[in-house]
Amino acid sequence: MPRIALEDTPYEGRTSALPWGVELPTLECHHCGSSLAGRREAVRRQTTQGIRYVVEVFRCRCGRGRHVKREAAA
């Protein structure tokens, strides 16, 4: 049976799953409080100091937007 050399894998300890105990951002407008579910307007990728982020832009009926920033999976 072939063996997998674990020392040769590119795994760096990162995962695409959200960590336990981290509070998820609520999808509601900070201005009027209405739900932003289904109102995603754009998705951007941004790099800051070598860390990659995914920024989701939501628009609300009141005209204000909201940007939700998450660390991108490796």
Protein backbone atom coordinates (compact mmCIF):
# COMPACT_ATOMS: atom_id res chain seq x y z
CA MET A 1 0.00 0.00 0.00
CA PRO A 2 1.43 3.46 -0.92
CA ARG A 3 2.23 5.87 1.89
CA ILE A 4 1.68 9.63 1.96
CA ALA A 5 4.66 11.65 3.15
CA LEU A 6 3.03 14.16 5.50
CA GLU A 7 6.15 16.34 5.55
CA ASP A 8 5.66 17.05 1.82
CA THR A 9 2.10 18.38 1.99
CA PRO A 10 1.56 22.12 1.45
CA TYR A 11 -0.87 22.43 4.40
CA GLU A 12 0.03 25.52 6.44
CA GLY A 13 -2.54 25.22 9.21
CA ARG A 14 -5.25 27.28 7.49
CA THR A 15 -8.74 26.14 6.65
CA SER A 16 -11.64 27.65 4.74
CA ALA A 17 -14.03 26.92 7.63
CA LEU A 18 -14.90 29.68 10.08
CA PRO A 19 -13.23 29.25 13.48
CA TRP A 20 -15.35 28.19 16.45
CA GLY A 21 -16.40 30.87 18.88
CA VAL A 22 -16.14 33.72 16.38
CA GLU A 23 -19.27 35.82 16.27
CA LEU A 24 -20.65 36.01 12.75
CA PRO A 25 -21.56 39.45 11.44
CA THR A 26 -25.31 40.03 11.28
CA LEU A 27 -26.62 40.98 7.88
CA GLU A 28 -28.61 44.02 8.79
CA CYS A 29 -28.20 47.69 7.97
CA HIS A 30 -26.43 49.67 10.68
CA HIS A 31 -28.50 52.75 9.77
CA CYS A 32 -32.11 51.53 9.56
CA GLY A 33 -31.85 47.94 10.87
CA SER A 34 -33.49 46.22 7.88
CA SER A 35 -32.22 42.85 6.65
CA LEU A 36 -29.59 42.78 3.90
CA ALA A 37 -30.17 39.11 3.02
CA GLY A 38 -30.28 38.74 -0.77
CA ARG A 39 -29.05 42.31 -1.34
CA ARG A 40 -25.40 41.59 -2.13
CA GLU A 41 -24.27 43.99 -4.81
CA ALA A 42 -20.59 43.14 -5.31
CA VAL A 43 -17.71 40.99 -4.09
CA ARG A 44 -14.17 42.37 -4.06
CA ARG A 45 -10.84 40.87 -3.21
CA GLN A 46 -8.47 43.07 -1.24
CA THR A 47 -4.94 42.56 0.07
CA THR A 48 -3.71 44.48 3.11
CA GLN A 49 -0.22 43.89 4.51
CA GLY A 50 -0.01 40.51 2.79
CA ILE A 51 -3.36 39.27 4.14
CA ARG A 52 -6.04 38.53 1.56
CA TYR A 53 -9.61 39.54 2.29
CA VAL A 54 -12.98 39.09 0.60
CA VAL A 55 -15.16 42.19 0.88
CA GLU A 56 -18.89 41.78 0.23
CA VAL A 57 -20.83 44.96 -0.52
CA PHE A 58 -24.52 45.09 0.41
CA ARG A 59 -27.02 47.87 -0.38
CA CYS A 60 -30.07 48.77 1.67
CA ARG A 61 -33.37 50.43 0.79
CA CYS A 62 -32.41 53.46 2.87
CA GLY A 63 -29.48 54.08 0.49
CA ARG A 64 -26.66 53.23 2.86
CA GLY A 65 -24.32 50.38 2.09
CA ARG A 66 -22.48 47.91 4.25
CA HIS A 67 -19.13 46.23 3.65
CA VAL A 68 -18.51 42.83 5.28
CA LYS A 69 -14.80 41.94 5.31
CA ARG A 70 -13.60 38.35 5.85
CA GLU A 71 -10.17 36.79 5.61
CA ALA A 72 -9.94 34.81 2.37
CA ALA A 73 -9.14 31.12 2.39
CA ALA A 74 -5.61 30.29 1.30
